[in-house]
Amino acid sequence: MRDRANTYHISSAVIMTRPAMQDAVLARLEELENVEVHVHQGNKIVVVIEGTSTGILGDCLSQISALDGVVAANMVFEHIETEETGSNERTDAA
């Protein structure tokens, strides 16, 4: 059986909010799937977005950008993890 590669994408993003709206934006971010708030200070919020494709990350970032009170949402970094999966057959000599 051929091995298949499963990929998992992890991205960080910086979100700038209107200062008066930061608490509301933070509350909305907590509701989003695959988004984790890591730190916030002033009108900036740093989040990590996770998913199985770059498209999922992009869609999530677009949703964040459209939130009321968000001035800008920019992806800073993306990392792709690849997990090799295959059959249970052992290939090493026992």
N, C-alpha and C. Protein backbone atom coordinates (compact mmCIF):
# COMPACT_ATOMS: atom_id res chain seq x y z
N MET A 1 0.84 -1.18 0.00
CA MET A 1 0.00 0.00 0.00
C MET A 1 0.89 1.24 0.00
N ARG A 2 0.50 2.22 -0.80
CA ARG A 2 1.27 3.45 -0.88
C ARG A 2 1.02 4.34 0.32
N ASP A 3 2.06 5.02 0.79
CA ASP A 3 1.92 5.95 1.91
C ASP A 3 1.19 7.20 1.44
N ARG A 4 0.40 7.77 2.31
CA ARG A 4 -0.27 9.04 2.04
C ARG A 4 0.27 10.07 3.01
N ALA A 5 0.38 11.29 2.54
CA ALA A 5 0.85 12.38 3.40
C ALA A 5 -0.35 13.21 3.85
N ASN A 6 -0.56 13.30 5.16
CA ASN A 6 -1.58 14.18 5.73
C ASN A 6 -0.89 15.47 6.13
N THR A 7 -1.48 16.58 5.77
CA THR A 7 -0.88 17.85 6.12
C THR A 7 -1.75 18.60 7.11
N TYR A 8 -1.09 19.36 7.96
CA TYR A 8 -1.75 20.18 8.96
C TYR A 8 -1.08 21.55 8.93
N HIS A 9 -1.87 22.59 8.77
CA HIS A 9 -1.35 23.94 8.61
C HIS A 9 -1.56 24.74 9.89
N ILE A 10 -0.53 25.47 10.29
CA ILE A 10 -0.57 26.32 11.48
C ILE A 10 -0.10 27.70 11.08
N SER A 11 -0.86 28.71 11.43
CA SER A 11 -0.52 30.08 11.05
C SER A 11 -0.68 31.00 12.24
N SER A 12 0.13 32.05 12.25
CA SER A 12 -0.09 33.11 13.23
C SER A 12 -0.55 34.35 12.48
N ALA A 13 -1.32 35.17 13.15
CA ALA A 13 -1.83 36.40 12.54
C ALA A 13 -1.89 37.49 13.60
N VAL A 14 -1.70 38.72 13.13
CA VAL A 14 -1.85 39.89 13.99
C VAL A 14 -3.11 40.62 13.55
N ILE A 15 -3.94 40.93 14.51
CA ILE A 15 -5.20 41.62 14.25
C ILE A 15 -5.15 42.96 14.95
N MET A 16 -5.47 44.00 14.21
CA MET A 16 -5.56 45.34 14.79
C MET A 16 -7.03 45.71 14.88
N THR A 17 -7.43 46.21 16.04
CA THR A 17 -8.82 46.57 16.27
C THR A 17 -8.96 48.05 16.59
N ARG A 18 -10.19 48.53 16.48
CA ARG A 18 -10.47 49.85 17.05
C ARG A 18 -10.43 49.66 18.56
N PRO A 19 -9.71 50.51 19.28
CA PRO A 19 -9.53 50.30 20.72
C PRO A 19 -10.83 50.07 21.49
N ALA A 20 -11.86 50.79 21.15
CA ALA A 20 -13.13 50.65 21.87
C ALA A 20 -13.82 49.32 21.58
N MET A 21 -13.40 48.62 20.52
CA MET A 21 -14.05 47.38 20.11
C MET A 21 -13.24 46.13 20.45
N GLN A 22 -12.08 46.29 21.10
CA GLN A 22 -11.21 45.13 21.32
C GLN A 22 -11.89 44.02 22.10
N ASP A 23 -12.60 44.33 23.16
CA ASP A 23 -13.25 43.30 23.96
C ASP A 23 -14.29 42.53 23.14
N ALA A 24 -15.03 43.24 22.31
CA ALA A 24 -16.03 42.58 21.46
C ALA A 24 -15.35 41.67 20.44
N VAL A 25 -14.25 42.13 19.85
CA VAL A 25 -13.51 41.31 18.89
C VAL A 25 -12.94 40.07 19.59
N LEU A 26 -12.37 40.24 20.77
CA LEU A 26 -11.85 39.11 21.52
C LEU A 26 -12.94 38.07 21.79
N ALA A 27 -14.11 38.52 22.15
CA ALA A 27 -15.23 37.60 22.40
C ALA A 27 -15.60 36.84 21.14
N ARG A 28 -15.63 37.50 20.01
CA ARG A 28 -15.95 36.84 18.73
C ARG A 28 -14.86 35.85 18.34
N LEU A 29 -13.60 36.20 18.57
CA LEU A 29 -12.50 35.30 18.23
C LEU A 29 -12.58 34.01 19.05
N GLU A 30 -12.99 34.11 20.30
CA GLU A 30 -13.12 32.93 21.15
C GLU A 30 -14.17 31.97 20.60
N GLU A 31 -15.13 32.48 19.84
CA GLU A 31 -16.20 31.66 19.28
C GLU A 31 -15.79 30.95 17.99
N LEU A 32 -14.74 31.42 17.33
CA LEU A 32 -14.33 30.85 16.04
C LEU A 32 -13.60 29.53 16.22
N GLU A 33 -13.97 28.58 15.38
CA GLU A 33 -13.31 27.28 15.38
C GLU A 33 -11.91 27.41 14.80
N ASN A 34 -10.97 26.69 15.33
CA ASN A 34 -9.57 26.65 14.86
C ASN A 34 -8.78 27.93 15.13
N VAL A 35 -9.28 28.80 15.99
CA VAL A 35 -8.59 30.06 16.32
C VAL A 35 -8.30 30.07 17.81
N GLU A 36 -7.07 30.42 18.15
CA GLU A 36 -6.69 30.54 19.55
C GLU A 36 -6.00 31.89 19.77
N VAL A 37 -6.52 32.67 20.71
CA VAL A 37 -5.91 33.96 21.05
C VAL A 37 -4.72 33.69 21.96
N HIS A 38 -3.56 34.24 21.60
CA HIS A 38 -2.37 34.02 22.42
C HIS A 38 -2.02 35.23 23.29
N VAL A 39 -2.20 36.42 22.75
CA VAL A 39 -1.89 37.61 23.53
C VAL A 39 -2.63 38.79 22.91
N HIS A 40 -2.93 39.76 23.74
CA HIS A 40 -3.49 41.02 23.24
C HIS A 40 -2.98 42.16 24.11
N GLN A 41 -2.68 43.24 23.44
CA GLN A 41 -2.18 44.43 24.13
C GLN A 41 -2.52 45.64 23.28
N GLY A 42 -2.98 46.67 23.93
CA GLY A 42 -3.39 47.86 23.17
C GLY A 42 -4.50 47.46 22.21
N ASN A 43 -4.32 47.80 20.94
CA ASN A 43 -5.32 47.43 19.95
C ASN A 43 -4.84 46.27 19.06
N LYS A 44 -3.85 45.50 19.52
CA LYS A 44 -3.32 44.38 18.74
C LYS A 44 -3.62 43.06 19.44
N ILE A 45 -3.96 42.07 18.61
CA ILE A 45 -4.26 40.72 19.09
C ILE A 45 -3.44 39.76 18.24
N VAL A 46 -2.79 38.80 18.89
CA VAL A 46 -2.05 37.76 18.17
C VAL A 46 -2.81 36.46 18.33
N VAL A 47 -3.10 35.81 17.20
CA VAL A 47 -3.83 34.55 17.21
C VAL A 47 -3.05 33.48 16.46
N VAL A 48 -3.40 32.23 16.74
CA VAL A 48 -2.93 31.10 15.96
C VAL A 48 -4.16 30.48 15.32
N ILE A 49 -4.03 30.19 14.03
CA ILE A 49 -5.11 29.56 13.26
C ILE A 49 -4.60 28.21 12.79
N GLU A 50 -5.40 27.17 12.94
CA GLU A 50 -5.00 25.83 12.54
C GLU A 50 -6.03 25.24 11.59
N GLY A 51 -5.57 24.39 10.67
CA GLY A 51 -6.48 23.72 9.76
C GLY A 51 -5.75 22.74 8.88
N THR A 52 -6.51 22.09 8.02
CA THR A 52 -5.94 21.05 7.16
C THR A 52 -5.51 21.56 5.79
N SER A 53 -5.70 22.86 5.52
CA SER A 53 -5.25 23.41 4.24
C SER A 53 -5.04 24.92 4.36
N THR A 54 -4.27 25.43 3.42
CA THR A 54 -4.06 26.88 3.36
C THR A 54 -5.38 27.60 3.12
N GLY A 55 -6.27 26.97 2.36
CA GLY A 55 -7.58 27.56 2.09
C GLY A 55 -8.40 27.78 3.35
N ILE A 56 -8.35 26.80 4.25
CA ILE A 56 -9.07 26.93 5.51
C ILE A 56 -8.52 28.11 6.31
N LEU A 57 -7.19 28.23 6.34
CA LEU A 57 -6.58 29.35 7.06
C LEU A 57 -7.00 30.68 6.44
N GLY A 58 -6.97 30.75 5.12
CA GLY A 58 -7.36 31.98 4.43
C GLY A 58 -8.81 32.35 4.68
N ASP A 59 -9.69 31.34 4.64
CA ASP A 59 -11.11 31.60 4.90
C ASP A 59 -11.31 32.13 6.32
N CYS A 60 -10.61 31.54 7.26
CA CYS A 60 -10.71 31.98 8.65
C CYS A 60 -10.21 33.42 8.80
N LEU A 61 -9.09 33.72 8.16
CA LEU A 61 -8.55 35.08 8.23
C LEU A 61 -9.51 36.08 7.59
N SER A 62 -10.18 35.67 6.52
CA SER A 62 -11.18 36.53 5.89
C SER A 62 -12.35 36.80 6.84
N GLN A 63 -12.79 35.75 7.56
CA GLN A 63 -13.86 35.93 8.54
C GLN A 63 -13.44 36.90 9.63
N ILE A 64 -12.20 36.78 10.08
CA ILE A 64 -11.70 37.67 11.12
C ILE A 64 -11.66 39.10 10.60
N SER A 65 -11.20 39.29 9.38
CA SER A 65 -11.11 40.62 8.78
C SER A 65 -12.47 41.30 8.70
N ALA A 66 -13.52 40.50 8.53
CA ALA A 66 -14.87 41.04 8.37
C ALA A 66 -15.56 41.34 9.70
N LEU A 67 -14.95 40.96 10.82
CA LEU A 67 -15.57 41.22 12.12
C LEU A 67 -15.67 42.73 12.39
N ASP A 68 -16.79 43.13 12.97
CA ASP A 68 -16.97 44.53 13.34
C ASP A 68 -15.91 44.92 14.36
N GLY A 69 -15.21 46.01 14.10
CA GLY A 69 -14.17 46.49 15.00
C GLY A 69 -12.76 46.13 14.56
N VAL A 70 -12.64 45.22 13.58
CA VAL A 70 -11.31 44.85 13.08
C VAL A 70 -10.88 45.84 12.01
N VAL A 71 -9.70 46.42 12.21
CA VAL A 71 -9.13 47.37 11.24
C VAL A 71 -8.30 46.61 10.21
N ALA A 72 -7.51 45.62 10.67
CA ALA A 72 -6.67 44.83 9.78
C ALA A 72 -6.40 43.48 10.42
N ALA A 73 -6.25 42.44 9.57
CA ALA A 73 -5.88 41.11 10.03
C ALA A 73 -4.87 40.57 9.02
N ASN A 74 -3.65 40.36 9.49
CA ASN A 74 -2.58 39.95 8.59
C ASN A 74 -1.90 38.67 9.06
N MET A 75 -1.78 37.71 8.13
CA MET A 75 -1.06 36.48 8.43
C MET A 75 0.42 36.81 8.52
N VAL A 76 1.07 36.31 9.53
CA VAL A 76 2.48 36.59 9.75
C VAL A 76 3.33 35.39 9.37
N PHE A 77 2.85 34.20 9.64
CA PHE A 77 3.66 33.00 9.49
C PHE A 77 2.75 31.83 9.21
N GLU A 78 3.20 30.90 8.36
CA GLU A 78 2.48 29.66 8.15
C GLU A 78 3.48 28.51 8.17
N HIS A 79 3.13 27.46 8.88
CA HIS A 79 3.96 26.26 8.96
C HIS A 79 3.10 25.08 8.56
N ILE A 80 3.67 24.16 7.82
CA ILE A 80 2.94 22.97 7.38
C ILE A 80 3.62 21.74 7.96
N GLU A 81 2.86 20.96 8.70
CA GLU A 81 3.33 19.68 9.24
C GLU A 81 2.82 18.58 8.33
N THR A 82 3.67 17.62 8.03
CA THR A 82 3.27 16.48 7.22
C THR A 82 3.45 15.21 8.03
N GLU A 83 2.38 14.43 8.09
CA GLU A 83 2.42 13.16 8.80
C GLU A 83 2.30 12.05 7.77
N GLU A 84 3.26 11.17 7.75
CA GLU A 84 3.23 10.04 6.83
C GLU A 84 2.39 8.93 7.45
N THR A 85 1.43 8.44 6.69
CA THR A 85 0.62 7.32 7.15
C THR A 85 0.63 6.25 6.07
N GLY A 86 0.44 5.05 6.45
CA GLY A 86 0.42 3.96 5.48
C GLY A 86 -0.10 2.70 6.12
N SER A 87 0.32 1.57 5.55
CA SER A 87 -0.16 0.29 6.06
C SER A 87 0.54 -0.05 7.37
N ASN A 88 0.06 -1.07 8.01
CA ASN A 88 0.65 -1.52 9.26
C ASN A 88 1.79 -2.50 9.03
N GLU A 89 2.17 -2.71 7.78
CA GLU A 89 3.25 -3.63 7.48
C GLU A 89 4.58 -3.07 7.94
N ARG A 90 5.36 -3.93 8.56
CA ARG A 90 6.70 -3.53 9.02
C ARG A 90 7.67 -3.74 7.89
N THR A 91 8.57 -2.80 7.70
CA THR A 91 9.55 -2.92 6.64
C THR A 91 10.94 -3.21 7.19
N ASP A 92 11.09 -3.19 8.51
CA ASP A 92 12.41 -3.47 9.11
C ASP A 92 12.52 -4.96 9.43
N ALA A 93 13.72 -5.45 9.44
CA ALA A 93 13.94 -6.86 9.76
C ALA A 93 13.81 -7.07 11.25
N ALA A 94 13.10 -8.12 11.63
CA ALA A 94 12.90 -8.40 13.05
C ALA A 94 13.87 -9.45 13.52
